[in-house]
Amino acid sequence: MAKKITGYIKLQVPAGIANPSPPIGPALGQRGVNIMEFCKAFNASTQELITVYADRSFSFTTKTPPASFLLKKAAKLKSGSKEPGKVSAGTIRRSQLSEIAEAKMKDLNANTIEAATKIIEGSARAMGLQVVEG
């Protein structure tokens, strides 16, 4: 018989550095989850979505970093443009977009790498990045 789910918790925490301080401690504590057990399991698996069951056990799934994080890293930027479409934040090569698309393929709603690349390209343009060939 499946466990009864009492709720879902979504956190964005860098991989391998979970600790009982906020935001993790309060989010898990209000559900009655063993915080130290979670931190150890999280750091071992670096997961992001937590399912809490009625017996206070939990499970979570792996996700890739957000596209904006990967785009900023590839373009060597600290942030995107404050006015996308008017002010350019920098440039990114189409080959870099396809690398990011390959990394995020399992989390994207795309059937081909070309479609995934177009999704990532849209995110890049929304951040104010100019896409160049190469």
N, C-alpha and C. Protein backbone atom coordinates (compact mmCIF):
# COMPACT_ATOMS: atom_id res chain seq x y z
N MET A 1 0.84 -1.19 0.00
CA MET A 1 0.00 0.00 0.00
C MET A 1 0.88 1.25 0.00
N ALA A 2 0.52 2.24 -0.76
CA ALA A 2 1.29 3.47 -0.87
C ALA A 2 1.15 4.29 0.41
N LYS A 3 2.21 5.05 0.70
CA LYS A 3 2.17 5.92 1.87
C LYS A 3 1.25 7.10 1.61
N LYS A 4 0.63 7.61 2.66
CA LYS A 4 -0.24 8.77 2.54
C LYS A 4 0.62 10.03 2.53
N ILE A 5 0.45 10.85 1.51
CA ILE A 5 1.21 12.09 1.37
C ILE A 5 0.50 13.19 2.13
N THR A 6 1.24 13.89 2.99
CA THR A 6 0.65 15.00 3.74
C THR A 6 1.02 16.34 3.14
N GLY A 7 1.98 16.40 2.23
CA GLY A 7 2.31 17.67 1.60
C GLY A 7 3.58 17.59 0.79
N TYR A 8 3.85 18.67 0.08
CA TYR A 8 5.06 18.82 -0.73
C TYR A 8 5.80 20.05 -0.26
N ILE A 9 7.12 20.00 -0.32
CA ILE A 9 7.95 21.14 0.05
C ILE A 9 8.92 21.37 -1.10
N LYS A 10 9.01 22.61 -1.58
CA LYS A 10 9.93 22.92 -2.66
C LYS A 10 10.95 23.93 -2.16
N LEU A 11 12.22 23.57 -2.28
CA LEU A 11 13.31 24.42 -1.82
C LEU A 11 14.33 24.56 -2.93
N GLN A 12 15.02 25.70 -2.98
CA GLN A 12 16.17 25.86 -3.86
C GLN A 12 17.38 26.00 -2.95
N VAL A 13 18.16 24.93 -2.89
CA VAL A 13 19.34 24.89 -2.03
C VAL A 13 20.50 24.39 -2.87
N PRO A 14 21.65 25.07 -2.82
CA PRO A 14 22.81 24.56 -3.56
C PRO A 14 23.17 23.15 -3.10
N ALA A 15 23.62 22.35 -4.04
CA ALA A 15 23.92 20.95 -3.77
C ALA A 15 25.01 20.80 -2.71
N GLY A 16 24.77 19.88 -1.79
CA GLY A 16 25.77 19.50 -0.81
C GLY A 16 25.96 20.41 0.38
N ILE A 17 25.16 21.48 0.52
CA ILE A 17 25.37 22.38 1.66
C ILE A 17 24.12 22.57 2.50
N ALA A 18 23.25 21.58 2.53
CA ALA A 18 22.03 21.68 3.35
C ALA A 18 22.41 21.64 4.82
N ASN A 19 21.80 22.51 5.62
CA ASN A 19 21.99 22.51 7.07
C ASN A 19 20.67 22.91 7.72
N PRO A 20 20.53 22.71 9.03
CA PRO A 20 19.23 22.94 9.69
C PRO A 20 18.80 24.40 9.81
N SER A 21 19.62 25.34 9.35
CA SER A 21 19.24 26.75 9.46
C SER A 21 18.21 27.10 8.39
N PRO A 22 17.57 28.29 8.51
CA PRO A 22 16.59 28.68 7.50
C PRO A 22 17.22 28.68 6.10
N PRO A 23 16.49 28.35 5.07
CA PRO A 23 15.06 28.07 4.99
C PRO A 23 14.70 26.61 5.24
N ILE A 24 15.69 25.73 5.34
CA ILE A 24 15.42 24.29 5.43
C ILE A 24 14.78 23.91 6.76
N GLY A 25 15.37 24.31 7.86
CA GLY A 25 14.88 23.93 9.18
C GLY A 25 13.41 24.25 9.41
N PRO A 26 13.01 25.51 9.24
CA PRO A 26 11.60 25.86 9.46
C PRO A 26 10.65 25.14 8.50
N ALA A 27 11.04 25.01 7.23
CA ALA A 27 10.16 24.37 6.23
C ALA A 27 9.91 22.91 6.59
N LEU A 28 10.94 22.21 7.04
CA LEU A 28 10.79 20.80 7.39
C LEU A 28 10.21 20.62 8.79
N GLY A 29 10.59 21.51 9.70
CA GLY A 29 10.13 21.40 11.08
C GLY A 29 8.63 21.51 11.22
N GLN A 30 8.00 22.37 10.43
CA GLN A 30 6.54 22.52 10.53
C GLN A 30 5.81 21.29 10.03
N ARG A 31 6.48 20.42 9.27
CA ARG A 31 5.89 19.16 8.81
C ARG A 31 6.28 17.99 9.70
N GLY A 32 7.16 18.23 10.68
CA GLY A 32 7.56 17.17 11.60
C GLY A 32 8.62 16.23 11.04
N VAL A 33 9.34 16.66 10.02
CA VAL A 33 10.37 15.83 9.40
C VAL A 33 11.65 15.93 10.22
N ASN A 34 12.38 14.81 10.35
CA ASN A 34 13.67 14.81 11.02
C ASN A 34 14.65 15.61 10.18
N ILE A 35 15.02 16.80 10.65
CA ILE A 35 15.81 17.75 9.86
C ILE A 35 17.21 17.23 9.59
N MET A 36 17.88 16.68 10.57
CA MET A 36 19.25 16.19 10.37
C MET A 36 19.28 15.00 9.41
N GLU A 37 18.29 14.13 9.51
CA GLU A 37 18.22 13.00 8.59
C GLU A 37 18.05 13.51 7.16
N PHE A 38 17.19 14.53 7.00
CA PHE A 38 17.00 15.11 5.68
C PHE A 38 18.29 15.73 5.16
N CYS A 39 18.97 16.53 5.99
CA CYS A 39 20.19 17.20 5.56
C CYS A 39 21.23 16.19 5.09
N LYS A 40 21.37 15.10 5.83
CA LYS A 40 22.33 14.06 5.43
C LYS A 40 21.94 13.44 4.10
N ALA A 41 20.65 13.11 3.93
CA ALA A 41 20.18 12.51 2.69
C ALA A 41 20.30 13.50 1.53
N PHE A 42 19.97 14.76 1.78
CA PHE A 42 20.05 15.79 0.74
C PHE A 42 21.48 15.98 0.28
N ASN A 43 22.37 16.13 1.22
CA ASN A 43 23.77 16.35 0.86
C ASN A 43 24.35 15.16 0.12
N ALA A 44 23.85 13.96 0.43
CA ALA A 44 24.31 12.77 -0.28
C ALA A 44 23.75 12.71 -1.69
N SER A 45 22.54 13.19 -1.88
CA SER A 45 21.87 13.05 -3.17
C SER A 45 21.66 14.37 -3.91
N THR A 46 21.82 15.51 -3.22
CA THR A 46 21.59 16.84 -3.78
C THR A 46 20.29 16.94 -4.55
N GLN A 47 19.19 16.85 -3.82
CA GLN A 47 17.85 16.86 -4.40
C GLN A 47 17.16 18.19 -4.10
N GLU A 48 16.00 18.45 -4.75
CA GLU A 48 15.31 19.73 -4.58
C GLU A 48 13.82 19.66 -4.27
N LEU A 49 13.08 18.61 -4.64
CA LEU A 49 11.64 18.56 -4.36
C LEU A 49 11.40 17.46 -3.34
N ILE A 50 10.77 17.80 -2.23
CA ILE A 50 10.60 16.88 -1.12
C ILE A 50 9.13 16.50 -1.00
N THR A 51 8.84 15.20 -0.90
CA THR A 51 7.49 14.72 -0.64
C THR A 51 7.47 14.19 0.78
N VAL A 52 6.54 14.70 1.60
CA VAL A 52 6.44 14.29 2.99
C VAL A 52 5.25 13.35 3.14
N TYR A 53 5.45 12.19 3.77
CA TYR A 53 4.40 11.20 3.96
C TYR A 53 3.84 11.28 5.38
N ALA A 54 2.69 10.64 5.60
CA ALA A 54 2.00 10.69 6.89
C ALA A 54 2.85 10.15 8.03
N ASP A 55 3.74 9.16 7.75
CA ASP A 55 4.57 8.62 8.81
C ASP A 55 5.85 9.45 9.02
N ARG A 56 5.85 10.66 8.47
CA ARG A 56 6.93 11.64 8.59
C ARG A 56 8.21 11.23 7.87
N SER A 57 8.11 10.28 6.96
CA SER A 57 9.24 9.98 6.10
C SER A 57 9.13 10.91 4.89
N PHE A 58 10.12 10.89 4.01
CA PHE A 58 10.13 11.82 2.88
C PHE A 58 10.83 11.20 1.68
N SER A 59 10.61 11.78 0.52
CA SER A 59 11.34 11.42 -0.69
C SER A 59 11.54 12.70 -1.50
N PHE A 60 12.52 12.70 -2.40
CA PHE A 60 12.75 13.88 -3.22
C PHE A 60 13.36 13.48 -4.55
N THR A 61 13.31 14.40 -5.53
CA THR A 61 13.78 14.13 -6.88
C THR A 61 14.87 15.12 -7.28
N THR A 62 15.70 14.71 -8.23
CA THR A 62 16.80 15.55 -8.71
C THR A 62 16.34 16.45 -9.84
N LYS A 63 16.73 17.69 -9.78
CA LYS A 63 16.48 18.65 -10.85
C LYS A 63 17.80 19.31 -11.21
N THR A 64 17.90 19.80 -12.44
CA THR A 64 19.09 20.53 -12.85
C THR A 64 18.96 21.98 -12.40
N PRO A 65 20.07 22.73 -12.36
CA PRO A 65 19.98 24.14 -11.97
C PRO A 65 19.08 24.91 -12.94
N PRO A 66 18.53 26.05 -12.51
CA PRO A 66 17.69 26.85 -13.41
C PRO A 66 18.46 27.29 -14.65
N ALA A 67 17.75 27.45 -15.76
CA ALA A 67 18.38 27.85 -17.02
C ALA A 67 19.08 29.19 -16.87
N SER A 68 18.49 30.12 -16.13
CA SER A 68 19.10 31.44 -15.95
C SER A 68 20.46 31.33 -15.27
N PHE A 69 20.59 30.43 -14.30
CA PHE A 69 21.87 30.22 -13.62
C PHE A 69 22.91 29.72 -14.61
N LEU A 70 22.54 28.73 -15.42
CA LEU A 70 23.48 28.17 -16.39
C LEU A 70 23.84 29.18 -17.47
N LEU A 71 22.87 30.00 -17.89
CA LEU A 71 23.15 31.03 -18.90
C LEU A 71 24.10 32.10 -18.36
N LYS A 72 23.87 32.54 -17.12
CA LYS A 72 24.76 33.54 -16.52
C LYS A 72 26.17 32.98 -16.37
N LYS A 73 26.28 31.71 -16.01
CA LYS A 73 27.58 31.07 -15.85
C LYS A 73 28.29 30.97 -17.20
N ALA A 74 27.57 30.58 -18.25
CA ALA A 74 28.16 30.44 -19.58
C ALA A 74 28.59 31.79 -20.16
N ALA A 75 27.80 32.84 -19.90
CA ALA A 75 28.10 34.17 -20.43
C ALA A 75 29.00 34.97 -19.50
N LYS A 76 29.36 34.38 -18.35
CA LYS A 76 30.21 35.02 -17.34
C LYS A 76 29.62 36.36 -16.88
N LEU A 77 28.33 36.31 -16.48
CA LEU A 77 27.61 37.49 -16.01
C LEU A 77 27.19 37.31 -14.56
N LYS A 78 26.99 38.44 -13.87
CA LYS A 78 26.45 38.37 -12.52
C LYS A 78 24.93 38.45 -12.54
N SER A 79 24.37 39.16 -13.53
CA SER A 79 22.92 39.25 -13.66
C SER A 79 22.56 39.55 -15.10
N GLY A 80 21.28 39.36 -15.42
CA GLY A 80 20.78 39.67 -16.76
C GLY A 80 20.54 41.16 -16.89
N SER A 81 20.03 41.56 -18.05
CA SER A 81 19.75 42.96 -18.31
C SER A 81 18.56 43.44 -17.48
N LYS A 82 18.63 44.68 -17.03
CA LYS A 82 17.50 45.28 -16.30
C LYS A 82 16.37 45.63 -17.28
N GLU A 83 16.72 45.85 -18.55
CA GLU A 83 15.74 46.18 -19.59
C GLU A 83 15.99 45.29 -20.81
N PRO A 84 15.57 44.01 -20.77
CA PRO A 84 15.78 43.13 -21.92
C PRO A 84 15.09 43.68 -23.16
N GLY A 85 15.75 43.55 -24.30
CA GLY A 85 15.20 44.07 -25.54
C GLY A 85 15.69 45.48 -25.84
N LYS A 86 16.06 46.21 -24.79
CA LYS A 86 16.59 47.56 -24.97
C LYS A 86 18.07 47.61 -24.66
N VAL A 87 18.46 47.04 -23.54
CA VAL A 87 19.85 47.04 -23.11
C VAL A 87 20.36 45.60 -23.10
N SER A 88 21.47 45.38 -23.80
CA SER A 88 22.04 44.03 -23.88
C SER A 88 22.89 43.75 -22.64
N ALA A 89 22.77 42.53 -22.11
CA ALA A 89 23.57 42.13 -20.96
C ALA A 89 24.88 41.48 -21.41
N GLY A 90 24.93 41.01 -22.65
CA GLY A 90 26.10 40.33 -23.17
C GLY A 90 25.71 39.44 -24.33
N THR A 91 26.63 38.55 -24.70
CA THR A 91 26.37 37.63 -25.81
C THR A 91 26.61 36.20 -25.37
N ILE A 92 25.98 35.28 -26.09
CA ILE A 92 26.17 33.86 -25.84
C ILE A 92 26.14 33.15 -27.19
N ARG A 93 27.00 32.16 -27.37
CA ARG A 93 27.07 31.43 -28.63
C ARG A 93 26.00 30.35 -28.68
N ARG A 94 25.52 30.06 -29.88
CA ARG A 94 24.51 29.03 -30.06
C ARG A 94 25.02 27.67 -29.58
N SER A 95 26.33 27.42 -29.72
CA SER A 95 26.89 26.15 -29.24
C SER A 95 26.77 26.03 -27.72
N GLN A 96 26.91 27.16 -27.01
CA GLN A 96 26.73 27.15 -25.56
C GLN A 96 25.27 26.86 -25.20
N LEU A 97 24.34 27.41 -26.00
CA LEU A 97 22.92 27.16 -25.77
C LEU A 97 22.61 25.67 -25.91
N SER A 98 23.18 25.01 -26.92
CA SER A 98 22.91 23.59 -27.11
C SER A 98 23.52 22.75 -25.99
N GLU A 99 24.68 23.16 -25.44
CA GLU A 99 25.26 22.45 -24.30
C GLU A 99 24.34 22.55 -23.08
N ILE A 100 23.81 23.75 -22.83
CA ILE A 100 22.90 23.95 -21.71
C ILE A 100 21.62 23.15 -21.94
N ALA A 101 21.12 23.14 -23.17
CA ALA A 101 19.91 22.39 -23.50
C ALA A 101 20.11 20.89 -23.26
N GLU A 102 21.29 20.37 -23.61
CA GLU A 102 21.58 18.95 -23.36
C GLU A 102 21.57 18.65 -21.87
N ALA A 103 22.15 19.56 -21.08
CA ALA A 103 22.21 19.36 -19.62
C ALA A 103 20.80 19.40 -19.01
N LYS A 104 19.92 20.27 -19.53
CA LYS A 104 18.58 20.44 -18.97
C LYS A 104 17.52 19.61 -19.66
N MET A 105 17.89 18.79 -20.62
CA MET A 105 16.93 18.06 -21.45
C MET A 105 15.91 17.28 -20.63
N LYS A 106 16.33 16.61 -19.55
CA LYS A 106 15.39 15.80 -18.77
C LYS A 106 14.35 16.65 -18.04
N ASP A 107 14.64 17.92 -17.79
CA ASP A 107 13.70 18.80 -17.08
C ASP A 107 12.87 19.66 -18.02
N LEU A 108 13.19 19.65 -19.31
CA LEU A 108 12.47 20.49 -20.27
C LEU A 108 11.34 19.71 -20.93
N ASN A 109 10.34 20.43 -21.40
CA ASN A 109 9.22 19.83 -22.10
C ASN A 109 9.52 19.88 -23.60
N ALA A 110 10.53 19.11 -24.03
CA ALA A 110 10.94 19.09 -25.43
C ALA A 110 11.28 17.67 -25.84
N ASN A 111 11.00 17.32 -27.10
CA ASN A 111 11.29 15.98 -27.59
C ASN A 111 12.63 15.88 -28.30
N THR A 112 13.11 17.00 -28.84
CA THR A 112 14.38 16.99 -29.56
C THR A 112 15.33 18.02 -28.95
N ILE A 113 16.62 17.86 -29.23
CA ILE A 113 17.61 18.79 -28.72
C ILE A 113 17.43 20.17 -29.36
N GLU A 114 16.95 20.20 -30.61
CA GLU A 114 16.72 21.48 -31.29
C GLU A 114 15.61 22.26 -30.58
N ALA A 115 14.54 21.57 -30.21
CA ALA A 115 13.44 22.23 -29.49
C ALA A 115 13.91 22.71 -28.12
N ALA A 116 14.72 21.91 -27.44
CA ALA A 116 15.26 22.30 -26.14
C ALA A 116 16.16 23.52 -26.28
N THR A 117 16.94 23.57 -27.35
CA THR A 117 17.82 24.71 -27.59
C THR A 117 17.00 25.98 -27.81
N LYS A 118 15.87 25.88 -28.50
CA LYS A 118 15.01 27.04 -28.71
C LYS A 118 14.42 27.54 -27.39
N ILE A 119 14.09 26.61 -26.49
CA ILE A 119 13.57 27.00 -25.17
C ILE A 119 14.64 27.79 -24.41
N ILE A 120 15.87 27.28 -24.41
CA ILE A 120 16.97 27.94 -23.71
C ILE A 120 17.30 29.28 -24.38
N GLU A 121 17.20 29.33 -25.71
CA GLU A 121 17.42 30.58 -26.43
C GLU A 121 16.41 31.63 -26.01
N GLY A 122 15.15 31.24 -25.84
CA GLY A 122 14.13 32.17 -25.36
C GLY A 122 14.44 32.70 -23.98
N SER A 123 14.95 31.83 -23.10
CA SER A 123 15.34 32.27 -21.76
C SER A 123 16.50 33.26 -21.85
N ALA A 124 17.44 32.99 -22.75
CA ALA A 124 18.59 33.88 -22.91
C ALA A 124 18.14 35.26 -23.40
N ARG A 125 17.25 35.29 -24.38
CA ARG A 125 16.77 36.57 -24.89
C ARG A 125 15.98 37.33 -23.82
N ALA A 126 15.23 36.60 -22.99
CA ALA A 126 14.47 37.24 -21.91
C ALA A 126 15.39 37.85 -20.85
N MET A 127 16.61 37.34 -20.78
CA MET A 127 17.60 37.89 -19.85
C MET A 127 18.39 39.03 -20.46
N GLY A 128 18.18 39.31 -21.76
CA GLY A 128 18.89 40.39 -22.43
C GLY A 128 20.17 39.94 -23.09
N LEU A 129 20.33 38.64 -23.30
CA LEU A 129 21.53 38.12 -23.96
C LEU A 129 21.32 38.10 -25.48
N GLN A 130 22.34 38.49 -26.22
CA GLN A 130 22.30 38.41 -27.67
C GLN A 130 22.86 37.05 -28.08
N VAL A 131 22.13 36.29 -28.92
CA VAL A 131 22.57 34.98 -29.37
C VAL A 131 23.33 35.17 -30.67
N VAL A 132 24.59 34.67 -30.70
CA VAL A 132 25.43 34.77 -31.88
C VAL A 132 25.74 33.36 -32.38
N GLU A 133 26.00 33.23 -33.67
CA GLU A 133 26.33 31.92 -34.25
C GLU A 133 27.71 31.50 -33.78
N GLY A 134 27.90 30.19 -33.72
CA GLY A 134 29.23 29.71 -33.38
C GLY A 134 29.23 28.64 -32.36
